[in-house]
PDB file of N, CA and C in Angstrom:
ATOM      1  N   MET A   1      -7.189 -16.145 -11.700  1.00  0.00           N
ATOM      2  CA  MET A   1      -6.041 -15.301 -11.440  1.00  0.00           C
ATOM      3  C   MET A   1      -6.499 -14.062 -10.664  1.00  0.00           C
ATOM      4  N   LEU A   2      -5.717 -13.677  -9.681  1.00  0.00           N
ATOM      5  CA  LEU A   2      -6.033 -12.489  -8.898  1.00  0.00           C
ATOM      6  C   LEU A   2      -5.717 -11.235  -9.683  1.00  0.00           C
ATOM      7  N   GLU A   3      -6.527 -10.223  -9.484  1.00  0.00           N
ATOM      8  CA  GLU A   3      -6.262  -8.940 -10.110  1.00  0.00           C
ATOM      9  C   GLU A   3      -5.932  -7.950  -9.004  1.00  0.00           C
ATOM     10  N   ALA A   4      -4.762  -7.348  -9.064  1.00  0.00           N
ATOM     11  CA  ALA A   4      -4.312  -6.436  -8.017  1.00  0.00           C
ATOM     12  C   ALA A   4      -4.435  -4.994  -8.482  1.00  0.00           C
ATOM     13  N   THR A   5      -4.659  -4.120  -7.530  1.00  0.00           N
ATOM     14  CA  THR A   5      -4.729  -2.696  -7.801  1.00  0.00           C
ATOM     15  C   THR A   5      -3.847  -1.973  -6.807  1.00  0.00           C
ATOM     16  N   LEU A   6      -2.988  -1.104  -7.299  1.00  0.00           N
ATOM     17  CA  LEU A   6      -2.154  -0.281  -6.434  1.00  0.00           C
ATOM     18  C   LEU A   6      -2.918   0.991  -6.135  1.00  0.00           C
ATOM     19  N   MET A   7      -3.110   1.279  -4.846  1.00  0.00           N
ATOM     20  CA  MET A   7      -3.835   2.475  -4.438  1.00  0.00           C
ATOM     21  C   MET A   7      -3.045   3.210  -3.377  1.00  0.00           C
ATOM     22  N   GLN A   8      -3.202   4.509  -3.366  1.00  0.00           N
ATOM     23  CA  GLN A   8      -2.586   5.338  -2.345  1.00  0.00           C
ATOM     24  C   GLN A   8      -3.246   5.036  -1.003  1.00  0.00           C
ATOM     25  N   ALA A   9      -2.444   4.967   0.054  1.00  0.00           N
ATOM     26  CA  ALA A   9      -2.975   4.741   1.398  1.00  0.00           C
ATOM     27  C   ALA A   9      -2.296   5.681   2.373  1.00  0.00           C
ATOM     28  N   THR A  10      -3.016   6.052   3.414  1.00  0.00           N
ATOM     29  CA  THR A  10      -2.416   6.886   4.452  1.00  0.00           C
ATOM     30  C   THR A  10      -2.440   6.135   5.773  1.00  0.00           C
ATOM     31  N   VAL A  11      -1.398   6.325   6.554  1.00  0.00           N
ATOM     32  CA  VAL A  11      -1.306   5.740   7.884  1.00  0.00           C
ATOM     33  C   VAL A  11      -0.992   6.878   8.839  1.00  0.00           C
ATOM     34  N   HIS A  12      -1.887   7.129   9.785  1.00  0.00           N
ATOM     35  CA  HIS A  12      -1.656   8.193  10.762  1.00  0.00           C
ATOM     36  C   HIS A  12      -0.426   7.842  11.589  1.00  0.00           C
ATOM     37  N   VAL A  13       0.346   8.847  11.951  1.00  0.00           N
ATOM     38  CA  VAL A  13       1.591   8.644  12.682  1.00  0.00           C
ATOM     39  C   VAL A  13       1.383   7.826  13.955  1.00  0.00           C
ATOM     40  N   SER A  14       0.231   7.926  14.573  1.00  0.00           N
ATOM     41  CA  SER A  14      -0.039   7.158  15.794  1.00  0.00           C
ATOM     42  C   SER A  14      -0.167   5.660  15.518  1.00  0.00           C
ATOM     43  N   ARG A  15      -0.362   5.275  14.244  1.00  0.00           N
ATOM     44  CA  ARG A  15      -0.504   3.862  13.891  1.00  0.00           C
ATOM     45  C   ARG A  15       0.726   3.296  13.175  1.00  0.00           C
ATOM     46  N   LEU A  16       1.754   4.115  12.975  1.00  0.00           N
ATOM     47  CA  LEU A  16       2.938   3.649  12.251  1.00  0.00           C
ATOM     48  C   LEU A  16       3.577   2.429  12.899  1.00  0.00           C
ATOM     49  N   GLU A  17       3.698   2.433  14.207  1.00  0.00           N
ATOM     50  CA  GLU A  17       4.329   1.305  14.895  1.00  0.00           C
ATOM     51  C   GLU A  17       3.562   0.009  14.648  1.00  0.00           C
ATOM     52  N   THR A  18       2.253   0.103  14.548  1.00  0.00           N
ATOM     53  CA  THR A  18       1.414  -1.069  14.301  1.00  0.00           C
ATOM     54  C   THR A  18       1.604  -1.627  12.895  1.00  0.00           C
ATOM     55  N   TYR A  19       1.645  -0.746  11.886  1.00  0.00           N
ATOM     56  CA  TYR A  19       1.638  -1.194  10.497  1.00  0.00           C
ATOM     57  C   TYR A  19       3.004  -1.243   9.830  1.00  0.00           C
ATOM     58  N   MET A  20       4.017  -0.599  10.392  1.00  0.00           N
ATOM     59  CA  MET A  20       5.331  -0.540   9.750  1.00  0.00           C
ATOM     60  C   MET A  20       5.919  -1.919   9.418  1.00  0.00           C
ATOM     61  N   PRO A  21       5.768  -2.943  10.270  1.00  0.00           N
ATOM     62  CA  PRO A  21       6.325  -4.258   9.912  1.00  0.00           C
ATOM     63  C   PRO A  21       5.763  -4.843   8.615  1.00  0.00           C
ATOM     64  N   TYR A  22       4.581  -4.404   8.196  1.00  0.00           N
ATOM     65  CA  TYR A  22       3.957  -4.914   6.971  1.00  0.00           C
ATOM     66  C   TYR A  22       4.316  -4.101   5.733  1.00  0.00           C
ATOM     67  N   LEU A  23       4.855  -2.911   5.913  1.00  0.00           N
ATOM     68  CA  LEU A  23       5.119  -2.008   4.793  1.00  0.00           C
ATOM     69  C   LEU A  23       6.554  -2.179   4.315  1.00  0.00           C
ATOM     70  N   LEU A  24       6.825  -3.316   3.712  1.00  0.00           N
ATOM     71  CA  LEU A  24       8.159  -3.681   3.257  1.00  0.00           C
ATOM     72  C   LEU A  24       8.210  -3.737   1.735  1.00  0.00           C
ATOM     73  N   ALA A  25       9.404  -3.567   1.197  1.00  0.00           N
ATOM     74  CA  ALA A  25       9.602  -3.635  -0.250  1.00  0.00           C
ATOM     75  C   ALA A  25       9.132  -4.980  -0.784  1.00  0.00           C
ATOM     76  N   ARG A  26       8.355  -4.936  -1.843  1.00  0.00           N
ATOM     77  CA  ARG A  26       7.872  -6.105  -2.575  1.00  0.00           C
ATOM     78  C   ARG A  26       7.048  -7.066  -1.736  1.00  0.00           C
ATOM     79  N   SER A  27       6.497  -6.605  -0.625  1.00  0.00           N
ATOM     80  CA  SER A  27       5.639  -7.471   0.176  1.00  0.00           C
ATOM     81  C   SER A  27       4.183  -7.253  -0.232  1.00  0.00           C
ATOM     82  N   MET A  28       3.371  -8.271  -0.015  1.00  0.00           N
ATOM     83  CA  MET A  28       1.948  -8.167  -0.321  1.00  0.00           C
ATOM     84  C   MET A  28       1.171  -8.552   0.923  1.00  0.00           C
ATOM     85  N   CYS A  29       0.112  -7.807   1.186  1.00  0.00           N
ATOM     86  CA  CYS A  29      -0.710  -8.041   2.370  1.00  0.00           C
ATOM     87  C   CYS A  29      -2.177  -8.076   1.994  1.00  0.00           C
ATOM     88  N   SER A  30      -2.914  -8.838   2.761  1.00  0.00           N
ATOM     89  CA  SER A  30      -4.361  -8.779   2.715  1.00  0.00           C
ATOM     90  C   SER A  30      -4.770  -7.717   3.728  1.00  0.00           C
ATOM     91  N   VAL A  31      -5.622  -6.777   3.313  1.00  0.00           N
ATOM     92  CA  VAL A  31      -6.037  -5.674   4.182  1.00  0.00           C
ATOM     93  C   VAL A  31      -7.547  -5.745   4.385  1.00  0.00           C
ATOM     94  N   THR A  32      -7.976  -5.711   5.648  1.00  0.00           N
ATOM     95  CA  THR A  32      -9.402  -5.687   5.974  1.00  0.00           C
ATOM     96  C   THR A  32      -9.668  -4.553   6.957  1.00  0.00           C
ATOM     97  N   GLY A  33     -10.895  -4.073   6.992  1.00  0.00           N
ATOM     98  CA  GLY A  33     -11.293  -3.061   7.959  1.00  0.00           C
ATOM     99  C   GLY A  33     -10.705  -1.693   7.706  1.00  0.00           C
ATOM    100  N   PHE A  34     -10.799  -1.207   6.473  1.00  0.00           N
ATOM    101  CA  PHE A  34     -10.253   0.103   6.133  1.00  0.00           C
ATOM    102  C   PHE A  34     -11.357   0.987   5.564  1.00  0.00           C
ATOM    103  N   ASP A  35     -11.081   2.283   5.502  1.00  0.00           N
ATOM    104  CA  ASP A  35     -12.024   3.246   4.932  1.00  0.00           C
ATOM    105  C   ASP A  35     -11.553   3.643   3.538  1.00  0.00           C
ATOM    106  N   VAL A  36     -12.494   3.930   2.647  1.00  0.00           N
ATOM    107  CA  VAL A  36     -12.172   4.381   1.292  1.00  0.00           C
ATOM    108  C   VAL A  36     -12.831   5.738   1.078  1.00  0.00           C
ATOM    109  N   THR A  37     -12.071   6.679   0.538  1.00  0.00           N
ATOM    110  CA  THR A  37     -12.584   8.021   0.287  1.00  0.00           C
ATOM    111  C   THR A  37     -11.998   8.544  -1.019  1.00  0.00           C
ATOM    112  N   GLN A  38     -12.476   9.668  -1.481  1.00  0.00           N
ATOM    113  CA  GLN A  38     -11.929  10.307  -2.679  1.00  0.00           C
ATOM    114  C   GLN A  38     -10.532  10.844  -2.375  1.00  0.00           C
ATOM    115  N   CYS A  39      -9.627  10.687  -3.308  1.00  0.00           N
ATOM    116  CA  CYS A  39      -8.258  11.174  -3.177  1.00  0.00           C
ATOM    117  C   CYS A  39      -8.210  12.669  -3.487  1.00  0.00           C
ATOM    118  N   ASN A  40      -7.408  13.410  -2.741  1.00  0.00           N
ATOM    119  CA  ASN A  40      -7.174  14.819  -3.041  1.00  0.00           C
ATOM    120  C   ASN A  40      -6.423  14.882  -4.372  1.00  0.00           C
ATOM    121  N   GLN A  41      -7.029  15.436  -5.385  1.00  0.00           N
ATOM    122  CA  GLN A  41      -6.448  15.462  -6.730  1.00  0.00           C
ATOM    123  C   GLN A  41      -5.123  16.215  -6.799  1.00  0.00           C
ATOM    124  N   ASN A  42      -4.838  17.077  -5.832  1.00  0.00           N
ATOM    125  CA  ASN A  42      -3.578  17.823  -5.820  1.00  0.00           C
ATOM    126  C   ASN A  42      -2.418  17.010  -5.259  1.00  0.00           C
ATOM    127  N   PHE A  43      -2.708  15.897  -4.600  1.00  0.00           N
ATOM    128  CA  PHE A  43      -1.663  15.109  -3.946  1.00  0.00           C
ATOM    129  C   PHE A  43      -1.748  13.634  -4.299  1.00  0.00           C
ATOM    130  N   MET A  44      -2.081  13.310  -5.528  1.00  0.00           N
ATOM    131  CA  MET A  44      -2.221  11.922  -5.952  1.00  0.00           C
ATOM    132  C   MET A  44      -0.861  11.265  -6.131  1.00  0.00           C
ATOM    133  N   LEU A  45      -0.711  10.038  -5.594  1.00  0.00           N
ATOM    134  CA  LEU A  45       0.506   9.256  -5.779  1.00  0.00           C
ATOM    135  C   LEU A  45       0.313   8.149  -6.805  1.00  0.00           C
ATOM    136  N   SER A  46      -0.909   7.930  -7.233  1.00  0.00           N
ATOM    137  CA  SER A  46      -1.196   6.912  -8.237  1.00  0.00           C
ATOM    138  C   SER A  46      -2.317   7.422  -9.137  1.00  0.00           C
ATOM    139  N   ASP A  47      -2.711   6.603 -10.109  1.00  0.00           N
ATOM    140  CA  ASP A  47      -3.776   6.987 -11.028  1.00  0.00           C
ATOM    141  C   ASP A  47      -5.170   6.810 -10.426  1.00  0.00           C
ATOM    142  N   SER A  48      -5.245   6.175  -9.272  1.00  0.00           N
ATOM    143  CA  SER A  48      -6.536   5.919  -8.649  1.00  0.00           C
ATOM    144  C   SER A  48      -7.122   7.199  -8.061  1.00  0.00           C
ATOM    145  N   SER A  49      -8.425   7.364  -8.199  1.00  0.00           N
ATOM    146  CA  SER A  49      -9.101   8.523  -7.612  1.00  0.00           C
ATOM    147  C   SER A  49      -9.555   8.232  -6.184  1.00  0.00           C
ATOM    148  N   LEU A  50      -9.245   7.025  -5.698  1.00  0.00           N
ATOM    149  CA  LEU A  50      -9.642   6.631  -4.352  1.00  0.00           C
ATOM    150  C   LEU A  50      -8.438   6.572  -3.421  1.00  0.00           C
ATOM    151  N   LEU A  51      -8.697   6.731  -2.135  1.00  0.00           N
ATOM    152  CA  LEU A  51      -7.677   6.715  -1.096  1.00  0.00           C
ATOM    153  C   LEU A  51      -8.112   5.739  -0.014  1.00  0.00           C
ATOM    154  N   ILE A  52      -7.202   4.896   0.438  1.00  0.00           N
ATOM    155  CA  ILE A  52      -7.473   3.972   1.535  1.00  0.00           C
ATOM    156  C   ILE A  52      -6.970   4.608   2.817  1.00  0.00           C
ATOM    157  N   ARG A  53      -7.806   4.598   3.853  1.00  0.00           N
ATOM    158  CA  ARG A  53      -7.396   5.093   5.169  1.00  0.00           C
ATOM    159  C   ARG A  53      -7.424   3.942   6.155  1.00  0.00           C
ATOM    160  N   PHE A  54      -6.285   3.709   6.804  1.00  0.00           N
ATOM    161  CA  PHE A  54      -6.239   2.698   7.849  1.00  0.00           C
ATOM    162  C   PHE A  54      -6.922   3.264   9.085  1.00  0.00           C
ATOM    163  N   SER A  55      -7.591   2.396   9.850  1.00  0.00           N
ATOM    164  CA  SER A  55      -8.291   2.823  11.059  1.00  0.00           C
ATOM    165  C   SER A  55      -7.986   1.834  12.178  1.00  0.00           C
ATOM    166  N   ASP A  56      -8.630   2.017  13.325  1.00  0.00           N
ATOM    167  CA  ASP A  56      -8.441   1.082  14.438  1.00  0.00           C
ATOM    168  C   ASP A  56      -8.918  -0.318  14.075  1.00  0.00           C
ATOM    169  N   ALA A  57      -9.817  -0.428  13.113  1.00  0.00           N
ATOM    170  CA  ALA A  57     -10.349  -1.723  12.701  1.00  0.00           C
ATOM    171  C   ALA A  57      -9.503  -2.400  11.620  1.00  0.00           C
ATOM    172  N   THR A  58      -8.485  -1.723  11.105  1.00  0.00           N
ATOM    173  CA  THR A  58      -7.675  -2.264  10.017  1.00  0.00           C
ATOM    174  C   THR A  58      -6.803  -3.419  10.501  1.00  0.00           C
ATOM    175  N   ALA A  59      -6.791  -4.491   9.720  1.00  0.00           N
ATOM    176  CA  ALA A  59      -5.927  -5.641   9.999  1.00  0.00           C
ATOM    177  C   ALA A  59      -5.172  -5.990   8.726  1.00  0.00           C
ATOM    178  N   LEU A  60      -3.879  -6.248   8.859  1.00  0.00           N
ATOM    179  CA  LEU A  60      -3.051  -6.650   7.729  1.00  0.00           C
ATOM    180  C   LEU A  60      -2.514  -8.047   7.988  1.00  0.00           C
ATOM    181  N   ASP A  61      -2.545  -8.884   6.967  1.00  0.00           N
ATOM    182  CA  ASP A  61      -1.971 -10.221   7.030  1.00  0.00           C
ATOM    183  C   ASP A  61      -1.050 -10.377   5.839  1.00  0.00           C
ATOM    184  N   GLU A  62       0.216 -10.682   6.108  1.00  0.00           N
ATOM    185  CA  GLU A  62       1.187 -10.841   5.028  1.00  0.00           C
ATOM    186  C   GLU A  62       0.845 -12.073   4.204  1.00  0.00           C
ATOM    187  N   LEU A  63       0.876 -11.924   2.886  1.00  0.00           N
ATOM    188  CA  LEU A  63       0.645 -13.039   1.971  1.00  0.00           C
ATOM    189  C   LEU A  63       1.994 -13.666   1.652  1.00  0.00           C
ATOM    190  N   THR A  64       2.160 -14.935   1.983  1.00  0.00           N
ATOM    191  CA  THR A  64       3.441 -15.592   1.733  1.00  0.00           C
ATOM    192  C   THR A  64       3.529 -16.141   0.319  1.00  0.00           C
ATOM    193  N   GLU A  65       2.395 -16.519  -0.266  1.00  0.00           N
ATOM    194  CA  GLU A  65       2.372 -16.979  -1.649  1.00  0.00           C
ATOM    195  C   GLU A  65       1.364 -16.133  -2.406  1.00  0.00           C
ATOM    196  N   SER A  66       1.774 -15.677  -3.568  1.00  0.00           N
ATOM    197  CA  SER A  66       0.902 -14.797  -4.330  1.00  0.00           C
ATOM    198  C   SER A  66       0.785 -15.264  -5.769  1.00  0.00           C
ATOM    199  N   ALA A  67      -0.391 -15.108  -6.324  1.00  0.00           N
ATOM    200  CA  ALA A  67      -0.598 -15.402  -7.737  1.00  0.00           C
ATOM    201  C   ALA A  67      -0.124 -14.248  -8.600  1.00  0.00           C
ATOM    202  N   SER A  68       0.148 -13.108  -7.985  1.00  0.00           N
ATOM    203  CA  SER A  68       0.547 -11.909  -8.711  1.00  0.00           C
ATOM    204  C   SER A  68       1.677 -11.194  -7.961  1.00  0.00           C
ATOM    205  N   PRO A  69       2.911 -11.724  -8.008  1.00  0.00           N
ATOM    206  CA  PRO A  69       4.003 -11.094  -7.260  1.00  0.00           C
ATOM    207  C   PRO A  69       4.353  -9.711  -7.803  1.00  0.00           C
ATOM    208  N   ILE A  70       4.882  -8.867  -6.929  1.00  0.00           N
ATOM    209  CA  ILE A  70       5.304  -7.529  -7.331  1.00  0.00           C
ATOM    210  C   ILE A  70       6.693  -7.637  -7.948  1.00  0.00           C
ATOM    211  N   THR A  71       6.825  -7.214  -9.188  1.00  0.00           N
ATOM    212  CA  THR A  71       8.121  -7.251  -9.855  1.00  0.00           C
ATOM    213  C   THR A  71       8.908  -5.995  -9.513  1.00  0.00           C
ATOM    214  N   GLU A  72      10.227  -6.049  -9.699  1.00  0.00           N
ATOM    215  CA  GLU A  72      11.064  -4.901  -9.367  1.00  0.00           C
ATOM    216  C   GLU A  72      10.677  -3.663 -10.156  1.00  0.00           C
ATOM    217  N   GLU A  73      10.261  -3.820 -11.409  1.00  0.00           N
ATOM    218  CA  GLU A  73       9.904  -2.641 -12.191  1.00  0.00           C
ATOM    219  C   GLU A  73       8.627  -1.970 -11.684  1.00  0.00           C
ATOM    220  N   HIS A  74       7.846  -2.680 -10.853  1.00  0.00           N
ATOM    221  CA  HIS A  74       6.650  -2.081 -10.270  1.00  0.00           C
ATOM    222  C   HIS A  74       6.847  -1.622  -8.834  1.00  0.00           C
ATOM    223  N   ALA A  75       8.000  -1.893  -8.260  1.00  0.00           N
ATOM    224  CA  ALA A  75       8.291  -1.475  -6.886  1.00  0.00           C
ATOM    225  C   ALA A  75       8.965  -0.112  -6.932  1.00  0.00           C
ATOM    226  N   TRP A  76       8.345   0.892  -6.322  1.00  0.00           N
ATOM    227  CA  TRP A  76       8.848   2.264  -6.389  1.00  0.00           C
ATOM    228  C   TRP A  76       9.196   2.782  -5.012  1.00  0.00           C
ATOM    229  N   SER A  77      10.184   3.635  -4.965  1.00  0.00           N
ATOM    230  CA  SER A  77      10.589   4.271  -3.720  1.00  0.00           C
ATOM    231  C   SER A  77      10.131   5.716  -3.706  1.00  0.00           C
ATOM    232  N   ASN A  78       9.597   6.175  -2.575  1.00  0.00           N
ATOM    233  CA  ASN A  78       9.228   7.581  -2.437  1.00  0.00           C
ATOM    234  C   ASN A  78      10.462   8.468  -2.375  1.00  0.00           C
ATOM    235  N   GLN A  79      11.601   7.927  -1.925  1.00  0.00           N
ATOM    236  CA  GLN A  79      12.811   8.719  -1.785  1.00  0.00           C
ATOM    237  C   GLN A  79      13.572   8.851  -3.095  1.00  0.00           C
ATOM    238  N   HIS A  80      13.697   7.758  -3.831  1.00  0.00           N
ATOM    239  CA  HIS A  80      14.584   7.751  -4.997  1.00  0.00           C
ATOM    240  C   HIS A  80      13.863   7.816  -6.336  1.00  0.00           C
ATOM    241  N   GLN A  81      12.603   7.461  -6.360  1.00  0.00           N
ATOM    242  CA  GLN A  81      11.803   7.474  -7.579  1.00  0.00           C
ATOM    243  C   GLN A  81      12.425   6.652  -8.709  1.00  0.00           C
ATOM    244  N   HIS A  82      12.953   5.483  -8.376  1.00  0.00           N
ATOM    245  CA  HIS A  82      13.395   4.564  -9.415  1.00  0.00           C
ATOM    246  C   HIS A  82      12.902   3.165  -9.060  1.00  0.00           C
ATOM    247  N   PRO A  83      12.741   2.294 -10.048  1.00  0.00           N
ATOM    248  CA  PRO A  83      12.035   1.031  -9.836  1.00  0.00           C
ATOM    249  C   PRO A  83      12.865  -0.089  -9.219  1.00  0.00           C
ATOM    250  N   THR A  84      13.513   0.137  -8.081  1.00  0.00           N
ATOM    251  CA  THR A  84      14.250  -0.966  -7.482  1.00  0.00           C
ATOM    252  C   THR A  84      14.035  -1.080  -5.987  1.00  0.00           C
ATOM    253  N   THR A  85      13.250  -0.231  -5.395  1.00  0.00           N
ATOM    254  CA  THR A  85      13.097  -0.306  -3.948  1.00  0.00           C
ATOM    255  C   THR A  85      11.668  -0.607  -3.541  1.00  0.00           C
ATOM    256  N   SER A  86      11.009   0.219  -2.759  1.00  0.00           N
ATOM    257  CA  SER A  86       9.794  -0.248  -2.103  1.00  0.00           C
ATOM    258  C   SER A  86       8.530   0.518  -2.446  1.00  0.00           C
ATOM    259  N   ILE A  87       7.411  -0.135  -2.096  1.00  0.00           N
ATOM    260  CA  ILE A  87       6.095   0.482  -2.164  1.00  0.00           C
ATOM    261  C   ILE A  87       5.600   0.595  -0.729  1.00  0.00           C
ATOM    262  N   ALA A  88       4.980   1.652  -0.391  1.00  0.00           N
ATOM    263  CA  ALA A  88       4.331   1.747   0.912  1.00  0.00           C
ATOM    264  C   ALA A  88       2.819   1.737   0.692  1.00  0.00           C
ATOM    265  N   GLY A  89       1.996   1.041   1.452  1.00  0.00           N
ATOM    266  CA  GLY A  89       0.628   1.123   1.493  1.00  0.00           C
ATOM    267  C   GLY A  89      -0.206   0.347   0.832  1.00  0.00           C
TER     268      GLY A  89
END
C-alpha cells in the first residue's frame, strides 16, 4: 500500500501556467525534480517542517489510478477552509 504525505509546496508565479493544469481538486500527481527545504515556521500550511519548491526540472504526471485516493474530508480550500474543495501543491 502506498503511503502519502501532504506537504506545503510553492510555485513561482512564472511557473503557474506550466503547473496549474495539475493543481486540481482531489487530483494526485507524481512529482519529480523538485527541491526540498525547511519550511518557514511562521507560514506553515501543514504539520510538515519541510517545503517543496518546484523548479525548471520539476515534472508532474497525473495519476489516473491511486491506491490512496484523496477523500473529501481531506480536500481543503485555501479560500473557504472547509473540507469540500481543493488542495494545491
